Amino acid sequence: MNGATGRSRSGKPSRPPKRGPTRTRRRGPTRRSEGQWRRKGFDQVAGIDEAGRGCLAGPVVAAALILPEHGVPPGIDDSKKLSPARREELFEQLCASRSVFAWGLAQVGEIDRLNILQATFLAMRRAIANLTRPPDALLVDGAPLPDCDLPQRALVRGDATSLSIAAASIVAKVVRDRIMVALEGEFPGYGLARHKGYPTPEHLSALGELGPAAIHRASFAPVRRAVTRRHVPSYGR
């Protein structure tokens, strides 16, 4: 074949070589980071993630999860990319699988006393302590976990890249959502079952009308502003 003209020696145009089906690259979280730990001899790798850091009300919840070697439910992804119904479905599948997981909470008083970052770390350490099978290495979403003796690797946007962290994000989100739905009955009027404590227009409006409740994080600016507005005297009415 004449490579310059794309013609065969007979002078006829050559046909391009046949190619097999192209493989689409898998998108979403994988077990690559877990595999890196296992090649170093760490078999019990726990993914760590949290839910509720940006909320104005309720606890922050962290989950620690060790995936089984086989039988991982398909479709695990960053919990923020999944519908509530799909998260619930995957949560039940994780419960039925051989995954080992636990969660930990930091309550509103601890959030206000420590700040939200340190309270999140506290919830993560509690989740690890609650595991029935101790991990020997960690994959942590976001920042490294302080005051922890276990080998660890922090992954920015880890819930989008690590399968263990993504699964932990589902557990943390489902557990926290269920807590907030239950708190709706104790603190009616705020719409907690719908927005789960996040600063939605509905929640901010209720804060302005009702004022903060015991479930609200007093150290968060929108809650502080709601308190201030309710204590400012109104003249001329």
C-alpha atoms as a PDB file:
ATOM      1  CA  MET A   1       0.000   0.000   0.000  1.00  0.00           C
ATOM      2  CA  ASN A   2       1.177   3.496  -0.785  1.00  0.00           C
ATOM      3  CA  GLY A   3       0.814   5.204   2.528  1.00  0.00           C
ATOM      4  CA  ALA A   4       1.059   8.691   1.028  1.00  0.00           C
ATOM      5  CA  THR A   5      -1.906   8.297  -1.314  1.00  0.00           C
ATOM      6  CA  GLY A   6      -3.996   5.715   0.532  1.00  0.00           C
ATOM      7  CA  ARG A   7      -4.033   3.439  -2.536  1.00  0.00           C
ATOM      8  CA  SER A   8      -2.998  -0.177  -2.869  1.00  0.00           C
ATOM      9  CA  ARG A   9      -0.325  -1.314  -5.298  1.00  0.00           C
ATOM     10  CA  SER A  10      -3.066  -2.137  -7.818  1.00  0.00           C
ATOM     11  CA  GLY A  11      -4.045   1.509  -7.873  1.00  0.00           C
ATOM     12  CA  LYS A  12      -7.437   0.968  -6.255  1.00  0.00           C
ATOM     13  CA  PRO A  13      -8.390   3.012  -3.211  1.00  0.00           C
ATOM     14  CA  SER A  14      -7.656   1.052  -0.063  1.00  0.00           C
ATOM     15  CA  ARG A  15     -10.324   0.374   2.558  1.00  0.00           C
ATOM     16  CA  PRO A  16      -9.701   1.586   6.054  1.00  0.00           C
ATOM     17  CA  PRO A  17      -8.961  -1.228   8.489  1.00  0.00           C
ATOM     18  CA  LYS A  18     -11.928  -2.544  10.437  1.00  0.00           C
ATOM     19  CA  ARG A  19     -12.028  -1.581  14.059  1.00  0.00           C
ATOM     20  CA  GLY A  20     -13.756  -3.386  16.859  1.00  0.00           C
ATOM     21  CA  PRO A  21     -16.347  -1.753  19.100  1.00  0.00           C
ATOM     22  CA  THR A  22     -14.948   1.159  21.069  1.00  0.00           C
ATOM     23  CA  ARG A  23     -14.985   0.806  24.821  1.00  0.00           C
ATOM     24  CA  THR A  24     -16.634   3.614  26.701  1.00  0.00           C
ATOM     25  CA  ARG A  25     -14.653   4.703  29.692  1.00  0.00           C
ATOM     26  CA  ARG A  26     -16.512   4.107  32.941  1.00  0.00           C
ATOM     27  CA  ARG A  27     -17.605   7.301  34.569  1.00  0.00           C
ATOM     28  CA  GLY A  28     -18.215   7.713  38.253  1.00  0.00           C
ATOM     29  CA  PRO A  29     -16.450   6.350  41.323  1.00  0.00           C
ATOM     30  CA  THR A  30     -14.151   3.342  41.037  1.00  0.00           C
ATOM     31  CA  ARG A  31     -12.098   1.150  43.373  1.00  0.00           C
ATOM     32  CA  ARG A  32      -8.785   2.498  42.128  1.00  0.00           C
ATOM     33  CA  SER A  33      -7.891   4.251  45.394  1.00  0.00           C
ATOM     34  CA  GLU A  34      -8.944   1.205  47.403  1.00  0.00           C
ATOM     35  CA  GLY A  35      -6.742  -0.935  45.180  1.00  0.00           C
ATOM     36  CA  GLN A  36      -3.746   1.282  45.868  1.00  0.00           C
ATOM     37  CA  TRP A  37      -4.145   0.629  49.595  1.00  0.00           C
ATOM     38  CA  ARG A  38      -4.602  -3.109  49.070  1.00  0.00           C
ATOM     39  CA  ARG A  39      -1.429  -3.373  47.022  1.00  0.00           C
ATOM     40  CA  LYS A  40       0.335  -2.010  50.096  1.00  0.00           C
ATOM     41  CA  GLY A  41      -1.167  -4.745  52.262  1.00  0.00           C
ATOM     42  CA  PHE A  42      -4.192  -2.898  53.681  1.00  0.00           C
ATOM     43  CA  ASP A  43      -7.270  -5.068  53.134  1.00  0.00           C
ATOM     44  CA  GLN A  44      -9.890  -3.340  55.275  1.00  0.00           C
ATOM     45  CA  VAL A  45     -10.182   0.065  53.611  1.00  0.00           C
ATOM     46  CA  ALA A  46     -12.968   2.281  54.893  1.00  0.00           C
ATOM     47  CA  GLY A  47     -14.426   5.179  52.937  1.00  0.00           C
ATOM     48  CA  ILE A  48     -15.487   8.162  55.071  1.00  0.00           C
ATOM     49  CA  ASP A  49     -17.983  10.888  54.164  1.00  0.00           C
ATOM     50  CA  GLU A  50     -20.471  13.223  55.839  1.00  0.00           C
ATOM     51  CA  ALA A  51     -23.863  14.804  55.295  1.00  0.00           C
ATOM     52  CA  GLY A  52     -25.297  18.028  56.663  1.00  0.00           C
ATOM     53  CA  ARG A  53     -22.311  20.361  56.962  1.00  0.00           C
ATOM     54  CA  GLY A  54     -24.098  23.199  55.185  1.00  0.00           C
ATOM     55  CA  CYS A  55     -27.392  22.897  57.030  1.00  0.00           C
ATOM     56  CA  LEU A  56     -28.821  25.419  59.462  1.00  0.00           C
ATOM     57  CA  ALA A  57     -30.489  22.781  61.615  1.00  0.00           C
ATOM     58  CA  GLY A  58     -29.892  19.266  62.849  1.00  0.00           C
ATOM     59  CA  PRO A  59     -26.788  17.161  63.404  1.00  0.00           C
ATOM     60  CA  VAL A  60     -23.939  16.501  61.039  1.00  0.00           C
ATOM     61  CA  VAL A  61     -23.739  12.789  60.212  1.00  0.00           C
ATOM     62  CA  ALA A  62     -20.675  10.863  59.065  1.00  0.00           C
ATOM     63  CA  ALA A  63     -20.475   7.314  57.766  1.00  0.00           C
ATOM     64  CA  ALA A  64     -17.592   4.847  57.519  1.00  0.00           C
ATOM     65  CA  LEU A  65     -17.957   1.941  55.103  1.00  0.00           C
ATOM     66  CA  ILE A  66     -15.875  -1.059  54.044  1.00  0.00           C
ATOM     67  CA  LEU A  67     -17.012  -2.616  50.774  1.00  0.00           C
ATOM     68  CA  PRO A  68     -16.896  -6.383  50.263  1.00  0.00           C
ATOM     69  CA  GLU A  69     -14.611  -7.821  47.627  1.00  0.00           C
ATOM     70  CA  HIS A  70     -17.627  -9.113  45.700  1.00  0.00           C
ATOM     71  CA  GLY A  71     -21.334  -8.353  45.652  1.00  0.00           C
ATOM     72  CA  VAL A  72     -21.162  -4.562  45.607  1.00  0.00           C
ATOM     73  CA  PRO A  73     -24.551  -3.116  44.577  1.00  0.00           C
ATOM     74  CA  PRO A  74     -24.398  -1.578  41.099  1.00  0.00           C
ATOM     75  CA  GLY A  75     -25.113   2.096  40.588  1.00  0.00           C
ATOM     76  CA  ILE A  76     -23.290   3.506  43.617  1.00  0.00           C
ATOM     77  CA  ASP A  77     -22.415   7.150  43.069  1.00  0.00           C
ATOM     78  CA  ASP A  78     -22.019  10.436  44.869  1.00  0.00           C
ATOM     79  CA  SER A  79     -25.222  10.763  46.905  1.00  0.00           C
ATOM     80  CA  LYS A  80     -25.789  14.295  45.566  1.00  0.00           C
ATOM     81  CA  LYS A  81     -26.189  12.855  42.077  1.00  0.00           C
ATOM     82  CA  LEU A  82     -28.896  10.389  43.131  1.00  0.00           C
ATOM     83  CA  SER A  83     -32.594  10.910  43.734  1.00  0.00           C
ATOM     84  CA  PRO A  84     -33.923  10.331  47.267  1.00  0.00           C
ATOM     85  CA  ALA A  85     -35.681   7.168  46.094  1.00  0.00           C
ATOM     86  CA  ARG A  86     -32.488   5.821  44.503  1.00  0.00           C
ATOM     87  CA  ARG A  87     -30.476   6.601  47.639  1.00  0.00           C
ATOM     88  CA  GLU A  88     -32.974   4.689  49.759  1.00  0.00           C
ATOM     89  CA  GLU A  89     -32.839   1.760  47.353  1.00  0.00           C
ATOM     90  CA  LEU A  90     -29.042   1.630  47.390  1.00  0.00           C
ATOM     91  CA  PHE A  91     -28.996   1.997  51.177  1.00  0.00           C
ATOM     92  CA  GLU A  92     -31.159  -1.100  51.531  1.00  0.00           C
ATOM     93  CA  GLN A  93     -28.944  -2.959  49.060  1.00  0.00           C
ATOM     94  CA  LEU A  94     -25.854  -2.008  51.040  1.00  0.00           C
ATOM     95  CA  CYS A  95     -27.566  -3.296  54.180  1.00  0.00           C
ATOM     96  CA  ALA A  96     -28.253  -6.598  52.426  1.00  0.00           C
ATOM     97  CA  SER A  97     -24.713  -6.860  51.050  1.00  0.00           C
ATOM     98  CA  ARG A  98     -21.605  -7.880  52.951  1.00  0.00           C
ATOM     99  CA  SER A  99     -20.603  -4.250  53.364  1.00  0.00           C
ATOM    100  CA  VAL A 100     -19.571  -3.204  56.859  1.00  0.00           C
ATOM    101  CA  PHE A 101     -20.649   0.294  57.791  1.00  0.00           C
ATOM    102  CA  ALA A 102     -21.542   2.527  60.711  1.00  0.00           C
ATOM    103  CA  TRP A 103     -22.349   6.157  61.298  1.00  0.00           C
ATOM    104  CA  GLY A 104     -21.635   8.792  63.898  1.00  0.00           C
ATOM    105  CA  LEU A 105     -23.278  12.102  64.776  1.00  0.00           C
ATOM    106  CA  ALA A 106     -22.247  15.454  66.131  1.00  0.00           C
ATOM    107  CA  GLN A 107     -25.209  17.231  67.646  1.00  0.00           C
ATOM    108  CA  VAL A 108     -26.159  20.895  67.351  1.00  0.00           C
ATOM    109  CA  GLY A 109     -24.579  21.834  70.686  1.00  0.00           C
ATOM    110  CA  GLU A 110     -21.282  20.269  69.644  1.00  0.00           C
ATOM    111  CA  ILE A 111     -21.400  22.062  66.284  1.00  0.00           C
ATOM    112  CA  ASP A 112     -21.905  25.421  68.001  1.00  0.00           C
ATOM    113  CA  ARG A 113     -19.204  24.730  70.561  1.00  0.00           C
ATOM    114  CA  LEU A 114     -16.515  23.267  68.279  1.00  0.00           C
ATOM    115  CA  ASN A 115     -17.383  24.787  64.851  1.00  0.00           C
ATOM    116  CA  ILE A 116     -18.764  22.754  61.967  1.00  0.00           C
ATOM    117  CA  LEU A 117     -15.417  21.466  60.664  1.00  0.00           C
ATOM    118  CA  GLN A 118     -14.269  20.091  64.010  1.00  0.00           C
ATOM    119  CA  ALA A 119     -17.745  18.677  64.685  1.00  0.00           C
ATOM    120  CA  THR A 120     -17.596  16.903  61.319  1.00  0.00           C
ATOM    121  CA  PHE A 121     -14.250  15.363  62.256  1.00  0.00           C
ATOM    122  CA  LEU A 122     -15.775  14.274  65.577  1.00  0.00           C
ATOM    123  CA  ALA A 123     -18.665  12.571  63.761  1.00  0.00           C
ATOM    124  CA  MET A 124     -16.177  10.821  61.451  1.00  0.00           C
ATOM    125  CA  ARG A 125     -14.151   9.481  64.365  1.00  0.00           C
ATOM    126  CA  ARG A 126     -17.337   8.230  66.005  1.00  0.00           C
ATOM    127  CA  ALA A 127     -18.373   6.474  62.799  1.00  0.00           C
ATOM    128  CA  ILE A 128     -15.001   4.713  62.601  1.00  0.00           C
ATOM    129  CA  ALA A 129     -15.241   3.689  66.268  1.00  0.00           C
ATOM    130  CA  ASN A 130     -18.708   2.227  65.644  1.00  0.00           C
ATOM    131  CA  LEU A 131     -17.535  -0.153  62.907  1.00  0.00           C
ATOM    132  CA  THR A 132     -17.842  -3.800  63.895  1.00  0.00           C
ATOM    133  CA  ARG A 133     -14.791  -4.621  61.787  1.00  0.00           C
ATOM    134  CA  PRO A 134     -11.849  -2.292  62.445  1.00  0.00           C
ATOM    135  CA  PRO A 135     -10.397  -0.721  59.293  1.00  0.00           C
ATOM    136  CA  ASP A 136      -6.663  -0.683  58.682  1.00  0.00           C
ATOM    137  CA  ALA A 137      -6.686   2.289  56.272  1.00  0.00           C
ATOM    138  CA  LEU A 138      -9.011   5.163  55.386  1.00  0.00           C
ATOM    139  CA  LEU A 139     -10.131   7.092  52.340  1.00  0.00           C
ATOM    140  CA  VAL A 140     -11.552  10.404  53.554  1.00  0.00           C
ATOM    141  CA  ASP A 141     -13.614  12.798  51.500  1.00  0.00           C
ATOM    142  CA  GLY A 142     -12.161  16.292  51.568  1.00  0.00           C
ATOM    143  CA  ALA A 143      -9.588  17.130  54.239  1.00  0.00           C
ATOM    144  CA  PRO A 144      -7.416  14.693  56.236  1.00  0.00           C
ATOM    145  CA  LEU A 145      -8.948  13.481  59.495  1.00  0.00           C
ATOM    146  CA  PRO A 146      -6.939  14.781  62.483  1.00  0.00           C
ATOM    147  CA  ASP A 147      -6.350  12.859  65.707  1.00  0.00           C
ATOM    148  CA  CYS A 148      -6.538   9.539  63.887  1.00  0.00           C
ATOM    149  CA  ASP A 149      -3.740   6.967  64.041  1.00  0.00           C
ATOM    150  CA  LEU A 150      -4.871   4.981  60.997  1.00  0.00           C
ATOM    151  CA  PRO A 151      -3.128   5.399  57.635  1.00  0.00           C
ATOM    152  CA  GLN A 152      -5.322   7.642  55.524  1.00  0.00           C
ATOM    153  CA  ARG A 153      -5.613   9.418  52.231  1.00  0.00           C
ATOM    154  CA  ALA A 154      -7.803  12.487  51.761  1.00  0.00           C
ATOM    155  CA  LEU A 155      -9.463  12.857  48.367  1.00  0.00           C
ATOM    156  CA  VAL A 156     -10.948  16.109  47.142  1.00  0.00           C
ATOM    157  CA  ARG A 157     -14.367  15.235  45.703  1.00  0.00           C
ATOM    158  CA  GLY A 158     -13.720  11.713  46.900  1.00  0.00           C
ATOM    159  CA  ASP A 159     -17.429  10.841  46.696  1.00  0.00           C
ATOM    160  CA  ALA A 160     -17.138  11.249  42.911  1.00  0.00           C
ATOM    161  CA  THR A 161     -13.991   9.127  42.522  1.00  0.00           C
ATOM    162  CA  SER A 162     -13.855   6.484  45.268  1.00  0.00           C
ATOM    163  CA  LEU A 163     -16.524   3.783  45.410  1.00  0.00           C
ATOM    164  CA  SER A 164     -16.133   3.350  49.175  1.00  0.00           C
ATOM    165  CA  ILE A 165     -16.532   7.071  49.832  1.00  0.00           C
ATOM    166  CA  ALA A 166     -19.517   7.257  47.473  1.00  0.00           C
ATOM    167  CA  ALA A 167     -21.188   4.387  49.323  1.00  0.00           C
ATOM    168  CA  ALA A 168     -20.459   6.113  52.644  1.00  0.00           C
ATOM    169  CA  SER A 169     -22.009   9.308  51.282  1.00  0.00           C
ATOM    170  CA  ILE A 170     -25.229   7.410  50.564  1.00  0.00           C
ATOM    171  CA  VAL A 171     -25.352   5.971  54.083  1.00  0.00           C
ATOM    172  CA  ALA A 172     -24.671   9.341  55.713  1.00  0.00           C
ATOM    173  CA  LYS A 173     -27.274  11.113  53.588  1.00  0.00           C
ATOM    174  CA  VAL A 174     -30.031   8.533  54.092  1.00  0.00           C
ATOM    175  CA  VAL A 175     -29.445   8.335  57.861  1.00  0.00           C
ATOM    176  CA  ARG A 176     -29.478  12.108  58.213  1.00  0.00           C
ATOM    177  CA  ASP A 177     -32.559  12.564  56.023  1.00  0.00           C
ATOM    178  CA  ARG A 178     -34.447  10.076  58.175  1.00  0.00           C
ATOM    179  CA  ILE A 179     -33.409  11.957  61.312  1.00  0.00           C
ATOM    180  CA  MET A 180     -34.672  15.244  59.865  1.00  0.00           C
ATOM    181  CA  VAL A 181     -37.993  13.717  58.826  1.00  0.00           C
ATOM    182  CA  ALA A 182     -38.437  12.464  62.401  1.00  0.00           C
ATOM    183  CA  LEU A 183     -37.572  15.912  63.802  1.00  0.00           C
ATOM    184  CA  GLU A 184     -40.381  17.480  61.759  1.00  0.00           C
ATOM    185  CA  GLY A 185     -42.859  16.201  64.337  1.00  0.00           C
ATOM    186  CA  GLU A 186     -40.881  17.683  67.218  1.00  0.00           C
ATOM    187  CA  PHE A 187     -40.241  21.034  65.519  1.00  0.00           C
ATOM    188  CA  PRO A 188     -43.237  21.693  63.228  1.00  0.00           C
ATOM    189  CA  GLY A 189     -43.548  24.711  60.972  1.00  0.00           C
ATOM    190  CA  TYR A 190     -40.036  24.799  59.546  1.00  0.00           C
ATOM    191  CA  GLY A 191     -40.476  22.210  56.779  1.00  0.00           C
ATOM    192  CA  LEU A 192     -37.596  20.047  58.013  1.00  0.00           C
ATOM    193  CA  ALA A 193     -38.935  16.936  56.274  1.00  0.00           C
ATOM    194  CA  ARG A 194     -38.722  18.716  52.928  1.00  0.00           C
ATOM    195  CA  HIS A 195     -35.476  20.690  53.023  1.00  0.00           C
ATOM    196  CA  LYS A 196     -33.687  18.628  55.703  1.00  0.00           C
ATOM    197  CA  GLY A 197     -32.351  21.763  57.375  1.00  0.00           C
ATOM    198  CA  TYR A 198     -30.676  23.332  54.355  1.00  0.00           C
ATOM    199  CA  PRO A 199     -31.012  27.130  53.867  1.00  0.00           C
ATOM    200  CA  THR A 200     -33.826  27.049  51.314  1.00  0.00           C
ATOM    201  CA  PRO A 201     -36.156  30.048  50.860  1.00  0.00           C
ATOM    202  CA  GLU A 202     -38.855  28.123  52.729  1.00  0.00           C
ATOM    203  CA  HIS A 203     -36.546  27.487  55.680  1.00  0.00           C
ATOM    204  CA  LEU A 204     -35.250  31.066  55.824  1.00  0.00           C
ATOM    205  CA  SER A 205     -38.797  32.399  55.683  1.00  0.00           C
ATOM    206  CA  ALA A 206     -39.862  30.130  58.560  1.00  0.00           C
ATOM    207  CA  LEU A 207     -36.829  31.246  60.568  1.00  0.00           C
ATOM    208  CA  GLY A 208     -37.915  34.846  60.110  1.00  0.00           C
ATOM    209  CA  GLU A 209     -41.495  34.147  61.140  1.00  0.00           C
ATOM    210  CA  LEU A 210     -41.004  31.639  63.957  1.00  0.00           C
ATOM    211  CA  GLY A 211     -37.490  32.379  65.094  1.00  0.00           C
ATOM    212  CA  PRO A 212     -34.885  29.661  65.697  1.00  0.00           C
ATOM    213  CA  ALA A 213     -35.725  26.467  67.575  1.00  0.00           C
ATOM    214  CA  ALA A 214     -33.468  24.287  69.701  1.00  0.00           C
ATOM    215  CA  ILE A 215     -32.616  22.270  66.608  1.00  0.00           C
ATOM    216  CA  HIS A 216     -31.016  25.276  64.874  1.00  0.00           C
ATOM    217  CA  ARG A 217     -27.284  25.966  64.830  1.00  0.00           C
ATOM    218  CA  ALA A 218     -26.901  29.248  66.679  1.00  0.00           C
ATOM    219  CA  SER A 219     -23.358  29.747  65.386  1.00  0.00           C
ATOM    220  CA  PHE A 220     -24.527  29.928  61.759  1.00  0.00           C
ATOM    221  CA  ALA A 221     -25.013  33.432  60.359  1.00  0.00           C
ATOM    222  CA  PRO A 222     -28.614  33.080  59.065  1.00  0.00           C
ATOM    223  CA  VAL A 223     -29.706  31.754  62.469  1.00  0.00           C
ATOM    224  CA  ARG A 224     -27.900  34.577  64.291  1.00  0.00           C
ATOM    225  CA  ARG A 225     -29.568  37.119  62.029  1.00  0.00           C
ATOM    226  CA  ALA A 226     -32.982  35.601  62.750  1.00  0.00           C
ATOM    227  CA  VAL A 227     -32.329  35.938  66.483  1.00  0.00           C
ATOM    228  CA  THR A 228     -31.210  39.543  66.094  1.00  0.00           C
ATOM    229  CA  ARG A 229     -34.237  40.540  64.028  1.00  0.00           C
ATOM    230  CA  ARG A 230     -36.616  39.122  66.631  1.00  0.00           C
ATOM    231  CA  HIS A 231     -34.932  41.132  69.398  1.00  0.00           C
ATOM    232  CA  VAL A 232     -34.848  44.469  67.582  1.00  0.00           C
ATOM    233  CA  PRO A 233     -37.764  46.615  68.844  1.00  0.00           C
ATOM    234  CA  SER A 234     -40.185  47.839  66.191  1.00  0.00           C
ATOM    235  CA  TYR A 235     -41.171  51.506  66.553  1.00  0.00           C
ATOM    236  CA  GLY A 236     -44.096  53.327  65.014  1.00  0.00           C
ATOM    237  CA  ARG A 237     -46.474  50.346  64.975  1.00  0.00           C
END
